[in-house]
Amino acid sequence: MVTPPEGDDRDVVEAAGADRALFREHWRALSRRARVTVAGAACVVVLGAFLGYVVANRPGPPPPDPVAVTSVRITEVGRPVGLQQDFPLTLRAEAASRVTYRGMRDGYESLFLSVIPQPGAALLPGRARTLHTRVTVFCHAPFPRRGTVLLFVIVHNARGDGRAQVVPTDAQFTCVIRAMRQACAS
């Protein structure tokens, strides 16, 4: 009810919609079965929205260990040229998920590596990458032993750095030792 404006002779002016039932009255007018159905549907909607929010905002799985997804193998062992104390070594690197190539480290005091390509190259899944290095031999140190790691390829992803081991096969090891002896003979 509203008081009439000045000049209006009526005592009371009714506002439109003043006689509408309130929500509470509508709710009470529903049958018990209808109220349970409405309440259950509202709970399902709220629960669905909450679960949707949780699923959409959960963190993704942690990245795999960079070494676990990387495989490196020797594809070619070169020979020293002339009186040089170094020889080329070619490797093939593959990764199951994206990792960044950070370089190589030797596994022995008798070796020094010059690396191509420069560190920072990406190893992409499904695409092999050829890595080249020149192995400089220091003849005063002992040579590598068969079945041991010749060098490490350093790879990186969001989880951190890792060192993938490169162990030559018996035939490759024979070629590496032959090239090292030839380099030290000069």
C-alpha atoms as a PDB file:
ATOM      1  CA  MET A   1       0.000   0.000   0.000  1.00  0.00           C
ATOM      2  CA  VAL A   2       1.125   3.439  -0.896  1.00  0.00           C
ATOM      3  CA  THR A   3      -0.245   6.815   0.229  1.00  0.00           C
ATOM      4  CA  PRO A   4      -1.872   8.731  -2.597  1.00  0.00           C
ATOM      5  CA  PRO A   5      -0.143  11.738  -4.171  1.00  0.00           C
ATOM      6  CA  GLU A   6      -1.476  15.229  -3.445  1.00  0.00           C
ATOM      7  CA  GLY A   7      -4.712  16.037  -5.119  1.00  0.00           C
ATOM      8  CA  ASP A   8      -5.862  12.437  -5.249  1.00  0.00           C
ATOM      9  CA  ASP A   9      -9.157  11.878  -3.437  1.00  0.00           C
ATOM     10  CA  ARG A  10      -8.637   8.234  -2.765  1.00  0.00           C
ATOM     11  CA  ASP A  11      -7.500   7.168   0.658  1.00  0.00           C
ATOM     12  CA  VAL A  12      -5.325   4.269  -0.470  1.00  0.00           C
ATOM     13  CA  VAL A  13      -3.580   3.547  -3.766  1.00  0.00           C
ATOM     14  CA  GLU A  14      -2.652  -0.061  -4.467  1.00  0.00           C
ATOM     15  CA  ALA A  15       0.681  -0.828  -6.099  1.00  0.00           C
ATOM     16  CA  ALA A  16       0.718  -3.280  -9.003  1.00  0.00           C
ATOM     17  CA  GLY A  17       1.764  -6.777  -7.983  1.00  0.00           C
ATOM     18  CA  ALA A  18       1.220  -6.198  -4.298  1.00  0.00           C
ATOM     19  CA  ASP A  19      -1.047  -9.186  -4.103  1.00  0.00           C
ATOM     20  CA  ARG A  20       1.532 -11.652  -5.632  1.00  0.00           C
ATOM     21  CA  ALA A  21       2.410 -14.621  -3.489  1.00  0.00           C
ATOM     22  CA  LEU A  22       5.874 -14.699  -2.000  1.00  0.00           C
ATOM     23  CA  PHE A  23       8.392 -17.457  -2.820  1.00  0.00           C
ATOM     24  CA  ARG A  24       7.767 -19.033   0.571  1.00  0.00           C
ATOM     25  CA  GLU A  25       4.079 -19.292  -0.154  1.00  0.00           C
ATOM     26  CA  HIS A  26       4.762 -20.856  -3.567  1.00  0.00           C
ATOM     27  CA  TRP A  27       7.189 -23.322  -1.986  1.00  0.00           C
ATOM     28  CA  ARG A  28       4.677 -24.371   0.659  1.00  0.00           C
ATOM     29  CA  ALA A  29       2.012 -24.777  -1.995  1.00  0.00           C
ATOM     30  CA  LEU A  30       4.101 -27.403  -3.796  1.00  0.00           C
ATOM     31  CA  SER A  31       3.644 -31.043  -2.919  1.00  0.00           C
ATOM     32  CA  ARG A  32       6.315 -32.775  -0.889  1.00  0.00           C
ATOM     33  CA  ARG A  33       7.391 -34.772  -3.960  1.00  0.00           C
ATOM     34  CA  ALA A  34       7.795 -31.586  -6.044  1.00  0.00           C
ATOM     35  CA  ARG A  35       9.849 -29.896  -3.292  1.00  0.00           C
ATOM     36  CA  VAL A  36      12.168 -32.931  -3.047  1.00  0.00           C
ATOM     37  CA  THR A  37      12.556 -32.984  -6.837  1.00  0.00           C
ATOM     38  CA  VAL A  38      13.390 -29.260  -6.995  1.00  0.00           C
ATOM     39  CA  ALA A  39      15.833 -29.483  -4.065  1.00  0.00           C
ATOM     40  CA  GLY A  40      17.514 -32.580  -5.545  1.00  0.00           C
ATOM     41  CA  ALA A  41      17.877 -30.933  -8.968  1.00  0.00           C
ATOM     42  CA  ALA A  42      19.369 -27.820  -7.359  1.00  0.00           C
ATOM     43  CA  CYS A  43      21.886 -29.978  -5.452  1.00  0.00           C
ATOM     44  CA  VAL A  44      22.838 -31.831  -8.635  1.00  0.00           C
ATOM     45  CA  VAL A  45      23.387 -28.539 -10.476  1.00  0.00           C
ATOM     46  CA  VAL A  46      25.542 -27.125  -7.655  1.00  0.00           C
ATOM     47  CA  LEU A  47      27.525 -30.356  -7.348  1.00  0.00           C
ATOM     48  CA  GLY A  48      28.036 -30.493 -11.144  1.00  0.00           C
ATOM     49  CA  ALA A  49      29.244 -26.893 -11.204  1.00  0.00           C
ATOM     50  CA  PHE A  50      31.643 -27.590  -8.325  1.00  0.00           C
ATOM     51  CA  LEU A  51      33.046 -30.726  -9.979  1.00  0.00           C
ATOM     52  CA  GLY A  52      33.392 -28.893 -13.293  1.00  0.00           C
ATOM     53  CA  TYR A  53      35.345 -26.146 -11.555  1.00  0.00           C
ATOM     54  CA  VAL A  54      37.621 -28.659  -9.806  1.00  0.00           C
ATOM     55  CA  VAL A  55      38.330 -30.561 -13.032  1.00  0.00           C
ATOM     56  CA  ALA A  56      38.978 -27.396 -15.030  1.00  0.00           C
ATOM     57  CA  ASN A  57      41.384 -25.987 -12.445  1.00  0.00           C
ATOM     58  CA  ARG A  58      43.340 -29.034 -11.395  1.00  0.00           C
ATOM     59  CA  PRO A  59      47.054 -28.930 -12.173  1.00  0.00           C
ATOM     60  CA  GLY A  60      48.312 -31.038 -15.043  1.00  0.00           C
ATOM     61  CA  PRO A  61      50.519 -34.052 -14.500  1.00  0.00           C
ATOM     62  CA  PRO A  62      54.155 -33.305 -13.727  1.00  0.00           C
ATOM     63  CA  PRO A  63      56.511 -33.511 -16.701  1.00  0.00           C
ATOM     64  CA  PRO A  64      58.408 -36.781 -17.093  1.00  0.00           C
ATOM     65  CA  ASP A  65      62.056 -37.131 -16.178  1.00  0.00           C
ATOM     66  CA  PRO A  66      64.012 -35.750 -19.163  1.00  0.00           C
ATOM     67  CA  VAL A  67      66.371 -38.739 -19.216  1.00  0.00           C
ATOM     68  CA  ALA A  68      63.493 -41.229 -19.149  1.00  0.00           C
ATOM     69  CA  VAL A  69      62.022 -39.779 -22.367  1.00  0.00           C
ATOM     70  CA  THR A  70      65.352 -39.373 -24.203  1.00  0.00           C
ATOM     71  CA  SER A  71      67.338 -42.014 -26.034  1.00  0.00           C
ATOM     72  CA  VAL A  72      70.761 -41.349 -27.509  1.00  0.00           C
ATOM     73  CA  ARG A  73      72.893 -43.728 -29.515  1.00  0.00           C
ATOM     74  CA  ILE A  74      76.118 -43.521 -31.480  1.00  0.00           C
ATOM     75  CA  THR A  75      75.612 -43.790 -35.226  1.00  0.00           C
ATOM     76  CA  GLU A  76      79.128 -43.172 -36.530  1.00  0.00           C
ATOM     77  CA  VAL A  77      82.679 -43.125 -35.192  1.00  0.00           C
ATOM     78  CA  GLY A  78      85.159 -41.290 -37.400  1.00  0.00           C
ATOM     79  CA  ARG A  79      88.935 -41.567 -37.589  1.00  0.00           C
ATOM     80  CA  PRO A  80      91.568 -38.939 -36.828  1.00  0.00           C
ATOM     81  CA  VAL A  81      92.850 -37.096 -39.875  1.00  0.00           C
ATOM     82  CA  GLY A  82      96.614 -36.820 -40.211  1.00  0.00           C
ATOM     83  CA  LEU A  83      98.372 -35.912 -36.967  1.00  0.00           C
ATOM     84  CA  GLN A  84      95.281 -34.578 -35.202  1.00  0.00           C
ATOM     85  CA  GLN A  85      94.390 -35.845 -31.764  1.00  0.00           C
ATOM     86  CA  ASP A  86      90.648 -35.687 -32.323  1.00  0.00           C
ATOM     87  CA  PHE A  87      88.042 -37.620 -34.252  1.00  0.00           C
ATOM     88  CA  PRO A  88      84.357 -37.046 -35.116  1.00  0.00           C
ATOM     89  CA  LEU A  89      81.527 -38.816 -33.359  1.00  0.00           C
ATOM     90  CA  THR A  90      77.920 -38.694 -34.586  1.00  0.00           C
ATOM     91  CA  LEU A  91      74.950 -39.425 -32.338  1.00  0.00           C
ATOM     92  CA  ARG A  92      71.211 -39.723 -32.873  1.00  0.00           C
ATOM     93  CA  ALA A  93      68.956 -38.311 -30.152  1.00  0.00           C
ATOM     94  CA  GLU A  94      65.222 -38.913 -29.889  1.00  0.00           C
ATOM     95  CA  ALA A  95      62.735 -37.791 -27.249  1.00  0.00           C
ATOM     96  CA  ALA A  96      59.223 -38.989 -26.415  1.00  0.00           C
ATOM     97  CA  SER A  97      58.281 -35.509 -25.139  1.00  0.00           C
ATOM     98  CA  ARG A  98      59.821 -32.096 -25.709  1.00  0.00           C
ATOM     99  CA  VAL A  99      63.203 -31.612 -24.063  1.00  0.00           C
ATOM    100  CA  THR A 100      65.962 -29.089 -24.624  1.00  0.00           C
ATOM    101  CA  TYR A 101      69.443 -30.271 -25.541  1.00  0.00           C
ATOM    102  CA  ARG A 102      71.928 -28.566 -23.193  1.00  0.00           C
ATOM    103  CA  GLY A 103      75.193 -30.105 -24.389  1.00  0.00           C
ATOM    104  CA  MET A 104      77.453 -33.071 -23.718  1.00  0.00           C
ATOM    105  CA  ARG A 105      79.915 -34.070 -21.051  1.00  0.00           C
ATOM    106  CA  ASP A 106      82.650 -36.624 -21.338  1.00  0.00           C
ATOM    107  CA  GLY A 107      82.687 -39.659 -19.118  1.00  0.00           C
ATOM    108  CA  TYR A 108      86.487 -39.872 -18.853  1.00  0.00           C
ATOM    109  CA  GLU A 109      89.465 -37.649 -18.171  1.00  0.00           C
ATOM    110  CA  SER A 110      91.012 -38.768 -21.449  1.00  0.00           C
ATOM    111  CA  LEU A 111      88.322 -37.078 -23.578  1.00  0.00           C
ATOM    112  CA  PHE A 112      87.285 -33.511 -24.368  1.00  0.00           C
ATOM    113  CA  LEU A 113      84.192 -32.780 -26.463  1.00  0.00           C
ATOM    114  CA  SER A 114      83.531 -30.015 -28.995  1.00  0.00           C
ATOM    115  CA  VAL A 115      79.791 -30.018 -29.642  1.00  0.00           C
ATOM    116  CA  ILE A 116      77.604 -29.247 -32.698  1.00  0.00           C
ATOM    117  CA  PRO A 117      74.784 -28.078 -32.604  1.00  0.00           C
ATOM    118  CA  GLN A 118      75.182 -25.546 -29.896  1.00  0.00           C
ATOM    119  CA  PRO A 119      73.276 -26.198 -26.674  1.00  0.00           C
ATOM    120  CA  GLY A 120      69.697 -24.935 -26.608  1.00  0.00           C
ATOM    121  CA  ALA A 121      68.324 -26.955 -29.519  1.00  0.00           C
ATOM    122  CA  ALA A 122      64.933 -28.588 -28.950  1.00  0.00           C
ATOM    123  CA  LEU A 123      64.432 -32.327 -29.212  1.00  0.00           C
ATOM    124  CA  LEU A 124      60.839 -32.738 -30.372  1.00  0.00           C
ATOM    125  CA  PRO A 125      58.760 -35.904 -30.033  1.00  0.00           C
ATOM    126  CA  GLY A 126      58.818 -38.069 -33.126  1.00  0.00           C
ATOM    127  CA  ARG A 127      61.746 -36.196 -34.688  1.00  0.00           C
ATOM    128  CA  ALA A 128      65.269 -37.534 -34.359  1.00  0.00           C
ATOM    129  CA  ARG A 129      68.093 -35.040 -34.123  1.00  0.00           C
ATOM    130  CA  THR A 130      71.654 -35.657 -35.227  1.00  0.00           C
ATOM    131  CA  LEU A 131      74.313 -34.466 -32.821  1.00  0.00           C
ATOM    132  CA  HIS A 132      77.935 -34.099 -33.847  1.00  0.00           C
ATOM    133  CA  THR A 133      80.933 -33.813 -31.603  1.00  0.00           C
ATOM    134  CA  ARG A 134      84.676 -33.853 -32.027  1.00  0.00           C
ATOM    135  CA  VAL A 135      86.365 -35.947 -29.388  1.00  0.00           C
ATOM    136  CA  THR A 136      89.795 -34.680 -28.444  1.00  0.00           C
ATOM    137  CA  VAL A 137      91.928 -37.385 -26.827  1.00  0.00           C
ATOM    138  CA  PHE A 138      94.321 -36.716 -23.955  1.00  0.00           C
ATOM    139  CA  CYS A 139      96.725 -39.609 -24.253  1.00  0.00           C
ATOM    140  CA  HIS A 140      98.158 -39.439 -20.725  1.00  0.00           C
ATOM    141  CA  ALA A 141      94.872 -40.593 -19.131  1.00  0.00           C
ATOM    142  CA  PRO A 142      93.475 -44.135 -19.228  1.00  0.00           C
ATOM    143  CA  PHE A 143      91.145 -45.086 -22.071  1.00  0.00           C
ATOM    144  CA  PRO A 144      87.492 -45.944 -21.438  1.00  0.00           C
ATOM    145  CA  ARG A 145      86.564 -49.473 -20.467  1.00  0.00           C
ATOM    146  CA  ARG A 146      84.178 -51.649 -22.476  1.00  0.00           C
ATOM    147  CA  GLY A 147      80.544 -51.466 -21.305  1.00  0.00           C
ATOM    148  CA  THR A 148      80.923 -48.144 -19.513  1.00  0.00           C
ATOM    149  CA  VAL A 149      79.461 -44.730 -20.291  1.00  0.00           C
ATOM    150  CA  LEU A 150      81.484 -42.896 -22.938  1.00  0.00           C
ATOM    151  CA  LEU A 151      79.685 -39.570 -22.639  1.00  0.00           C
ATOM    152  CA  PHE A 152      76.539 -37.914 -21.304  1.00  0.00           C
ATOM    153  CA  VAL A 153      73.984 -35.873 -23.253  1.00  0.00           C
ATOM    154  CA  ILE A 154      72.489 -33.201 -21.013  1.00  0.00           C
ATOM    155  CA  VAL A 155      68.766 -32.602 -21.554  1.00  0.00           C
ATOM    156  CA  HIS A 156      66.324 -30.301 -19.785  1.00  0.00           C
ATOM    157  CA  ASN A 157      62.559 -29.905 -19.382  1.00  0.00           C
ATOM    158  CA  ALA A 158      60.281 -28.298 -16.774  1.00  0.00           C
ATOM    159  CA  ARG A 159      61.265 -30.997 -14.292  1.00  0.00           C
ATOM    160  CA  GLY A 160      64.966 -30.095 -14.488  1.00  0.00           C
ATOM    161  CA  ASP A 161      68.237 -31.229 -16.010  1.00  0.00           C
ATOM    162  CA  GLY A 162      69.222 -34.815 -16.657  1.00  0.00           C
ATOM    163  CA  ARG A 163      72.219 -36.620 -18.107  1.00  0.00           C
ATOM    164  CA  ALA A 164      71.366 -39.317 -20.654  1.00  0.00           C
ATOM    165  CA  GLN A 165      74.122 -41.928 -20.771  1.00  0.00           C
ATOM    166  CA  VAL A 166      75.700 -43.000 -24.036  1.00  0.00           C
ATOM    167  CA  VAL A 167      77.181 -46.484 -23.816  1.00  0.00           C
ATOM    168  CA  PRO A 168      78.774 -47.727 -27.068  1.00  0.00           C
ATOM    169  CA  THR A 169      77.979 -51.181 -28.363  1.00  0.00           C
ATOM    170  CA  ASP A 170      80.912 -53.602 -28.559  1.00  0.00           C
ATOM    171  CA  ALA A 171      81.503 -52.790 -32.249  1.00  0.00           C
ATOM    172  CA  GLN A 172      81.308 -49.029 -31.583  1.00  0.00           C
ATOM    173  CA  PHE A 173      83.608 -49.382 -28.586  1.00  0.00           C
ATOM    174  CA  THR A 174      86.177 -51.145 -30.762  1.00  0.00           C
ATOM    175  CA  CYS A 175      85.998 -48.260 -33.263  1.00  0.00           C
ATOM    176  CA  VAL A 176      86.320 -45.640 -30.475  1.00  0.00           C
ATOM    177  CA  ILE A 177      89.404 -47.329 -28.980  1.00  0.00           C
ATOM    178  CA  ARG A 178      90.925 -47.720 -32.459  1.00  0.00           C
ATOM    179  CA  ALA A 179      90.384 -44.006 -33.160  1.00  0.00           C
ATOM    180  CA  MET A 180      91.817 -43.048 -29.759  1.00  0.00           C
ATOM    181  CA  ARG A 181      94.932 -45.177 -30.314  1.00  0.00           C
ATOM    182  CA  GLN A 182      95.415 -43.691 -33.758  1.00  0.00           C
ATOM    183  CA  ALA A 183      95.085 -40.174 -32.305  1.00  0.00           C
ATOM    184  CA  CYS A 184      97.658 -40.954 -29.621  1.00  0.00           C
ATOM    185  CA  ALA A 185     100.063 -42.607 -32.060  1.00  0.00           C
ATOM    186  CA  SER A 186     100.637 -39.324 -33.869  1.00  0.00           C
END
